[in-house]
Amino acid sequence: MTLDRDPLHPAARQFVLKLDRRAEPGRGEISGRLENLASGRACEFRDMASLLQALARELADQQKSPPA
């Protein structure tokens, strides 16, 4: 077996999404925590816009300093 050096889903782009117990996505109410599995960095979000901003920020930071 060989390892793919350019995987479709690289570890640096894997996240855990934790929804707040009060979140109701079916009603458009979403809040919680986004965690990057590779870096361990996490941030809170209060709505879909702030979730997408956090995700974009994480990915932009990765491009500034790619893994060794």
PDB file of N, CA and C in Angstrom:
ATOM      1  N   MET A   1       0.845  -1.171   0.000  1.00  0.00           N
ATOM      2  CA  MET A   1       0.000   0.000   0.000  1.00  0.00           C
ATOM      3  C   MET A   1       0.893   1.238   0.000  1.00  0.00           C
ATOM      4  N   THR A   2       0.541   2.220  -0.802  1.00  0.00           N
ATOM      5  CA  THR A   2       1.294   3.473  -0.829  1.00  0.00           C
ATOM      6  C   THR A   2       0.427   4.602  -0.296  1.00  0.00           C
ATOM      7  N   LEU A   3       1.071   5.546   0.353  1.00  0.00           N
ATOM      8  CA  LEU A   3       0.345   6.700   0.879  1.00  0.00           C
ATOM      9  C   LEU A   3       0.213   7.754  -0.209  1.00  0.00           C
ATOM     10  N   ASP A   4      -0.932   8.347  -0.284  1.00  0.00           N
ATOM     11  CA  ASP A   4      -1.183   9.413  -1.249  1.00  0.00           C
ATOM     12  C   ASP A   4      -0.569  10.700  -0.699  1.00  0.00           C
ATOM     13  N   ARG A   5       0.386  11.266  -1.410  1.00  0.00           N
ATOM     14  CA  ARG A   5       1.051  12.491  -0.957  1.00  0.00           C
ATOM     15  C   ARG A   5       0.182  13.730  -1.140  1.00  0.00           C
ATOM     16  N   ASP A   6      -0.895  13.598  -1.882  1.00  0.00           N
ATOM     17  CA  ASP A   6      -1.822  14.700  -2.098  1.00  0.00           C
ATOM     18  C   ASP A   6      -3.247  14.188  -1.884  1.00  0.00           C
ATOM     19  N   PRO A   7      -3.601  13.860  -0.623  1.00  0.00           N
ATOM     20  CA  PRO A   7      -4.907  13.269  -0.360  1.00  0.00           C
ATOM     21  C   PRO A   7      -6.053  14.237  -0.647  1.00  0.00           C
ATOM     22  N   LEU A   8      -7.186  13.688  -0.993  1.00  0.00           N
ATOM     23  CA  LEU A   8      -8.374  14.482  -1.266  1.00  0.00           C
ATOM     24  C   LEU A   8      -8.844  15.223  -0.012  1.00  0.00           C
ATOM     25  N   HIS A   9      -8.679  14.590   1.144  1.00  0.00           N
ATOM     26  CA  HIS A   9      -9.113  15.170   2.419  1.00  0.00           C
ATOM     27  C   HIS A   9      -7.921  15.228   3.380  1.00  0.00           C
ATOM     28  N   PRO A  10      -7.001  16.188   3.204  1.00  0.00           N
ATOM     29  CA  PRO A  10      -5.814  16.235   4.054  1.00  0.00           C
ATOM     30  C   PRO A  10      -6.161  16.543   5.517  1.00  0.00           C
ATOM     31  N   ALA A  11      -5.358  16.025   6.408  1.00  0.00           N
ATOM     32  CA  ALA A  11      -5.602  16.185   7.845  1.00  0.00           C
ATOM     33  C   ALA A  11      -5.689  17.653   8.260  1.00  0.00           C
ATOM     34  N   ALA A  12      -4.897  18.504   7.634  1.00  0.00           N
ATOM     35  CA  ALA A  12      -4.899  19.927   7.998  1.00  0.00           C
ATOM     36  C   ALA A  12      -6.231  20.607   7.698  1.00  0.00           C
ATOM     37  N   ARG A  13      -7.068  19.954   6.887  1.00  0.00           N
ATOM     38  CA  ARG A  13      -8.363  20.539   6.526  1.00  0.00           C
ATOM     39  C   ARG A  13      -9.527  19.771   7.149  1.00  0.00           C
ATOM     40  N   GLN A  14      -9.255  19.056   8.230  1.00  0.00           N
ATOM     41  CA  GLN A  14     -10.301  18.310   8.919  1.00  0.00           C
ATOM     42  C   GLN A  14     -10.719  19.087  10.163  1.00  0.00           C
ATOM     43  N   PHE A  15     -12.013  19.197  10.335  1.00  0.00           N
ATOM     44  CA  PHE A  15     -12.573  19.978  11.430  1.00  0.00           C
ATOM     45  C   PHE A  15     -13.623  19.179  12.188  1.00  0.00           C
ATOM     46  N   VAL A  16     -13.816  19.555  13.441  1.00  0.00           N
ATOM     47  CA  VAL A  16     -14.919  19.039  14.245  1.00  0.00           C
ATOM     48  C   VAL A  16     -15.873  20.204  14.458  1.00  0.00           C
ATOM     49  N   LEU A  17     -17.134  19.972  14.202  1.00  0.00           N
ATOM     50  CA  LEU A  17     -18.165  20.976  14.407  1.00  0.00           C
ATOM     51  C   LEU A  17     -18.990  20.537  15.608  1.00  0.00           C
ATOM     52  N   LYS A  18     -18.975  21.336  16.646  1.00  0.00           N
ATOM     53  CA  LYS A  18     -19.750  21.030  17.853  1.00  0.00           C
ATOM     54  C   LYS A  18     -20.886  22.036  17.949  1.00  0.00           C
ATOM     55  N   LEU A  19     -22.111  21.537  17.874  1.00  0.00           N
ATOM     56  CA  LEU A  19     -23.265  22.417  17.959  1.00  0.00           C
ATOM     57  C   LEU A  19     -23.659  22.644  19.410  1.00  0.00           C
ATOM     58  N   ASP A  20     -24.004  23.871  19.711  1.00  0.00           N
ATOM     59  CA  ASP A  20     -24.518  24.250  21.022  1.00  0.00           C
ATOM     60  C   ASP A  20     -25.827  23.504  21.260  1.00  0.00           C
ATOM     61  N   ARG A  21     -26.112  23.158  22.473  1.00  0.00           N
ATOM     62  CA  ARG A  21     -27.330  22.394  22.764  1.00  0.00           C
ATOM     63  C   ARG A  21     -28.598  23.164  22.416  1.00  0.00           C
ATOM     64  N   ARG A  22     -28.509  24.491  22.323  1.00  0.00           N
ATOM     65  CA  ARG A  22     -29.679  25.305  21.980  1.00  0.00           C
ATOM     66  C   ARG A  22     -29.822  25.529  20.473  1.00  0.00           C
ATOM     67  N   ALA A  23     -28.842  25.087  19.691  1.00  0.00           N
ATOM     68  CA  ALA A  23     -28.885  25.294  18.238  1.00  0.00           C
ATOM     69  C   ALA A  23     -30.038  24.503  17.628  1.00  0.00           C
ATOM     70  N   GLU A  24     -30.694  25.117  16.672  1.00  0.00           N
ATOM     71  CA  GLU A  24     -31.775  24.466  15.929  1.00  0.00           C
ATOM     72  C   GLU A  24     -31.544  24.723  14.441  1.00  0.00           C
ATOM     73  N   PRO A  25     -30.627  23.936  13.820  1.00  0.00           N
ATOM     74  CA  PRO A  25     -30.298  24.166  12.408  1.00  0.00           C
ATOM     75  C   PRO A  25     -31.511  24.146  11.481  1.00  0.00           C
ATOM     76  N   GLY A  26     -32.493  23.335  11.774  1.00  0.00           N
ATOM     77  CA  GLY A  26     -33.692  23.271  10.946  1.00  0.00           C
ATOM     78  C   GLY A  26     -34.466  24.583  10.919  1.00  0.00           C
ATOM     79  N   ARG A  27     -34.245  25.400  11.935  1.00  0.00           N
ATOM     80  CA  ARG A  27     -34.892  26.711  12.005  1.00  0.00           C
ATOM     81  C   ARG A  27     -33.923  27.837  11.653  1.00  0.00           C
ATOM     82  N   GLY A  28     -32.727  27.455  11.201  1.00  0.00           N
ATOM     83  CA  GLY A  28     -31.734  28.465  10.832  1.00  0.00           C
ATOM     84  C   GLY A  28     -30.973  29.033  12.010  1.00  0.00           C
ATOM     85  N   GLU A  29     -31.106  28.416  13.173  1.00  0.00           N
ATOM     86  CA  GLU A  29     -30.410  28.881  14.378  1.00  0.00           C
ATOM     87  C   GLU A  29     -29.237  27.951  14.643  1.00  0.00           C
ATOM     88  N   ILE A  30     -28.036  28.459  14.408  1.00  0.00           N
ATOM     89  CA  ILE A  30     -26.852  27.618  14.556  1.00  0.00           C
ATOM     90  C   ILE A  30     -25.790  28.366  15.359  1.00  0.00           C
ATOM     91  N   SER A  31     -25.227  27.679  16.318  1.00  0.00           N
ATOM     92  CA  SER A  31     -24.144  28.223  17.128  1.00  0.00           C
ATOM     93  C   SER A  31     -23.361  27.053  17.701  1.00  0.00           C
ATOM     94  N   GLY A  32     -22.113  27.308  18.043  1.00  0.00           N
ATOM     95  CA  GLY A  32     -21.299  26.238  18.603  1.00  0.00           C
ATOM     96  C   GLY A  32     -19.824  26.537  18.517  1.00  0.00           C
ATOM     97  N   ARG A  33     -19.050  25.488  18.226  1.00  0.00           N
ATOM     98  CA  ARG A  33     -17.592  25.570  18.243  1.00  0.00           C
ATOM     99  C   ARG A  33     -17.031  24.809  17.042  1.00  0.00           C
ATOM    100  N   LEU A  34     -16.028  25.394  16.391  1.00  0.00           N
ATOM    101  CA  LEU A  34     -15.341  24.771  15.274  1.00  0.00           C
ATOM    102  C   LEU A  34     -13.907  24.495  15.714  1.00  0.00           C
ATOM    103  N   GLU A  35     -13.454  23.240  15.561  1.00  0.00           N
ATOM    104  CA  GLU A  35     -12.103  22.864  15.973  1.00  0.00           C
ATOM    105  C   GLU A  35     -11.338  22.266  14.800  1.00  0.00           C
ATOM    106  N   ASN A  36     -10.117  22.746  14.580  1.00  0.00           N
ATOM    107  CA  ASN A  36      -9.246  22.189  13.556  1.00  0.00           C
ATOM    108  C   ASN A  36      -8.518  21.002  14.179  1.00  0.00           C
ATOM    109  N   LEU A  37      -8.668  19.824  13.600  1.00  0.00           N
ATOM    110  CA  LEU A  37      -8.066  18.623  14.183  1.00  0.00           C
ATOM    111  C   LEU A  37      -6.543  18.644  14.147  1.00  0.00           C
ATOM    112  N   ALA A  38      -5.956  19.221  13.104  1.00  0.00           N
ATOM    113  CA  ALA A  38      -4.501  19.208  12.975  1.00  0.00           C
ATOM    114  C   ALA A  38      -3.835  20.220  13.905  1.00  0.00           C
ATOM    115  N   SER A  39      -4.372  21.445  13.953  1.00  0.00           N
ATOM    116  CA  SER A  39      -3.729  22.496  14.750  1.00  0.00           C
ATOM    117  C   SER A  39      -4.240  22.550  16.179  1.00  0.00           C
ATOM    118  N   GLY A  40      -5.448  22.053  16.400  1.00  0.00           N
ATOM    119  CA  GLY A  40      -6.037  22.132  17.730  1.00  0.00           C
ATOM    120  C   GLY A  40      -6.703  23.472  17.996  1.00  0.00           C
ATOM    121  N   ARG A  41      -6.600  24.385  17.039  1.00  0.00           N
ATOM    122  CA  ARG A  41      -7.216  25.693  17.233  1.00  0.00           C
ATOM    123  C   ARG A  41      -8.725  25.552  17.182  1.00  0.00           C
ATOM    124  N   ALA A  42      -9.393  26.384  17.981  1.00  0.00           N
ATOM    125  CA  ALA A  42     -10.851  26.333  18.044  1.00  0.00           C
ATOM    126  C   ALA A  42     -11.410  27.741  18.140  1.00  0.00           C
ATOM    127  N   CYS A  43     -12.630  27.913  17.676  1.00  0.00           N
ATOM    128  CA  CYS A  43     -13.310  29.197  17.813  1.00  0.00           C
ATOM    129  C   CYS A  43     -14.805  28.960  17.971  1.00  0.00           C
ATOM    130  N   GLU A  44     -15.431  29.888  18.623  1.00  0.00           N
ATOM    131  CA  GLU A  44     -16.876  29.850  18.817  1.00  0.00           C
ATOM    132  C   GLU A  44     -17.546  30.569  17.651  1.00  0.00           C
ATOM    133  N   PHE A  45     -18.744  30.127  17.292  1.00  0.00           N
ATOM    134  CA  PHE A  45     -19.535  30.827  16.280  1.00  0.00           C
ATOM    135  C   PHE A  45     -20.958  30.962  16.786  1.00  0.00           C
ATOM    136  N   ARG A  46     -21.646  31.980  16.303  1.00  0.00           N
ATOM    137  CA  ARG A  46     -23.000  32.269  16.791  1.00  0.00           C
ATOM    138  C   ARG A  46     -24.071  32.192  15.709  1.00  0.00           C
ATOM    139  N   ASP A  47     -23.611  32.085  14.444  1.00  0.00           N
ATOM    140  CA  ASP A  47     -24.542  31.976  13.320  1.00  0.00           C
ATOM    141  C   ASP A  47     -23.779  31.423  12.123  1.00  0.00           C
ATOM    142  N   MET A  48     -24.476  31.190  11.036  1.00  0.00           N
ATOM    143  CA  MET A  48     -23.851  30.593   9.858  1.00  0.00           C
ATOM    144  C   MET A  48     -22.752  31.500   9.295  1.00  0.00           C
ATOM    145  N   ALA A  49     -22.985  32.795   9.305  1.00  0.00           N
ATOM    146  CA  ALA A  49     -21.985  33.731   8.773  1.00  0.00           C
ATOM    147  C   ALA A  49     -20.689  33.649   9.571  1.00  0.00           C
ATOM    148  N   SER A  50     -20.779  33.613  10.897  1.00  0.00           N
ATOM    149  CA  SER A  50     -19.549  33.554  11.704  1.00  0.00           C
ATOM    150  C   SER A  50     -18.882  32.178  11.610  1.00  0.00           C
ATOM    151  N   LEU A  51     -19.650  31.115  11.371  1.00  0.00           N
ATOM    152  CA  LEU A  51     -19.061  29.791  11.136  1.00  0.00           C
ATOM    153  C   LEU A  51     -18.243  29.809   9.845  1.00  0.00           C
ATOM    154  N   LEU A  52     -18.823  30.350   8.782  1.00  0.00           N
ATOM    155  CA  LEU A  52     -18.110  30.405   7.502  1.00  0.00           C
ATOM    156  C   LEU A  52     -16.892  31.323   7.575  1.00  0.00           C
ATOM    157  N   GLN A  53     -16.983  32.409   8.317  1.00  0.00           N
ATOM    158  CA  GLN A  53     -15.838  33.304   8.499  1.00  0.00           C
ATOM    159  C   GLN A  53     -14.713  32.589   9.227  1.00  0.00           C
ATOM    160  N   ALA A  54     -15.047  31.838  10.263  1.00  0.00           N
ATOM    161  CA  ALA A  54     -14.038  31.102  11.033  1.00  0.00           C
ATOM    162  C   ALA A  54     -13.358  30.048  10.161  1.00  0.00           C
ATOM    163  N   LEU A  55     -14.133  29.356   9.369  1.00  0.00           N
ATOM    164  CA  LEU A  55     -13.587  28.340   8.483  1.00  0.00           C
ATOM    165  C   LEU A  55     -12.666  28.982   7.438  1.00  0.00           C
ATOM    166  N   ALA A  56     -13.094  30.075   6.846  1.00  0.00           N
ATOM    167  CA  ALA A  56     -12.270  30.781   5.860  1.00  0.00           C
ATOM    168  C   ALA A  56     -10.978  31.291   6.497  1.00  0.00           C
ATOM    169  N   ARG A  57     -11.054  31.803   7.711  1.00  0.00           N
ATOM    170  CA  ARG A  57      -9.870  32.301   8.423  1.00  0.00           C
ATOM    171  C   ARG A  57      -8.875  31.176   8.677  1.00  0.00           C
ATOM    172  N   GLU A  58      -9.361  30.022   9.117  1.00  0.00           N
ATOM    173  CA  GLU A  58      -8.485  28.865   9.361  1.00  0.00           C
ATOM    174  C   GLU A  58      -7.775  28.439   8.080  1.00  0.00           C
ATOM    175  N   LEU A  59      -8.519  28.350   6.984  1.00  0.00           N
ATOM    176  CA  LEU A  59      -7.924  27.919   5.726  1.00  0.00           C
ATOM    177  C   LEU A  59      -6.931  28.942   5.187  1.00  0.00           C
ATOM    178  N   ALA A  60      -7.224  30.222   5.365  1.00  0.00           N
ATOM    179  CA  ALA A  60      -6.295  31.274   4.939  1.00  0.00           C
ATOM    180  C   ALA A  60      -5.006  31.223   5.755  1.00  0.00           C
ATOM    181  N   ASP A  61      -5.137  30.980   7.060  1.00  0.00           N
ATOM    182  CA  ASP A  61      -3.956  30.874   7.927  1.00  0.00           C
ATOM    183  C   ASP A  61      -3.081  29.687   7.505  1.00  0.00           C
ATOM    184  N   GLN A  62      -3.717  28.602   7.094  1.00  0.00           N
ATOM    185  CA  GLN A  62      -2.957  27.429   6.639  1.00  0.00           C
ATOM    186  C   GLN A  62      -2.153  27.732   5.398  1.00  0.00           C
ATOM    187  N   GLN A  63      -2.708  28.528   4.506  1.00  0.00           N
ATOM    188  CA  GLN A  63      -2.000  28.861   3.273  1.00  0.00           C
ATOM    189  C   GLN A  63      -0.815  29.787   3.550  1.00  0.00           C
ATOM    190  N   LYS A  64      -0.920  30.615   4.592  1.00  0.00           N
ATOM    191  CA  LYS A  64       0.186  31.501   4.963  1.00  0.00           C
ATOM    192  C   LYS A  64       1.359  30.712   5.520  1.00  0.00           C
ATOM    193  N   SER A  65       1.045  29.668   6.276  1.00  0.00           N
ATOM    194  CA  SER A  65       2.107  28.842   6.875  1.00  0.00           C
ATOM    195  C   SER A  65       1.791  27.372   6.677  1.00  0.00           C
ATOM    196  N   PRO A  66       2.059  26.827   5.478  1.00  0.00           N
ATOM    197  CA  PRO A  66       1.774  25.412   5.224  1.00  0.00           C
ATOM    198  C   PRO A  66       2.608  24.486   6.112  1.00  0.00           C
ATOM    199  N   PRO A  67       2.101  23.285   6.395  1.00  0.00           N
ATOM    200  CA  PRO A  67       2.840  22.348   7.245  1.00  0.00           C
ATOM    201  C   PRO A  67       4.174  21.964   6.617  1.00  0.00           C
ATOM    202  N   ALA A  68       5.136  21.667   7.477  1.00  0.00           N
ATOM    203  CA  ALA A  68       6.485  21.294   7.010  1.00  0.00           C
ATOM    204  C   ALA A  68       6.504  19.942   6.355  1.00  0.00           C
TER     205      ALA A  68
END
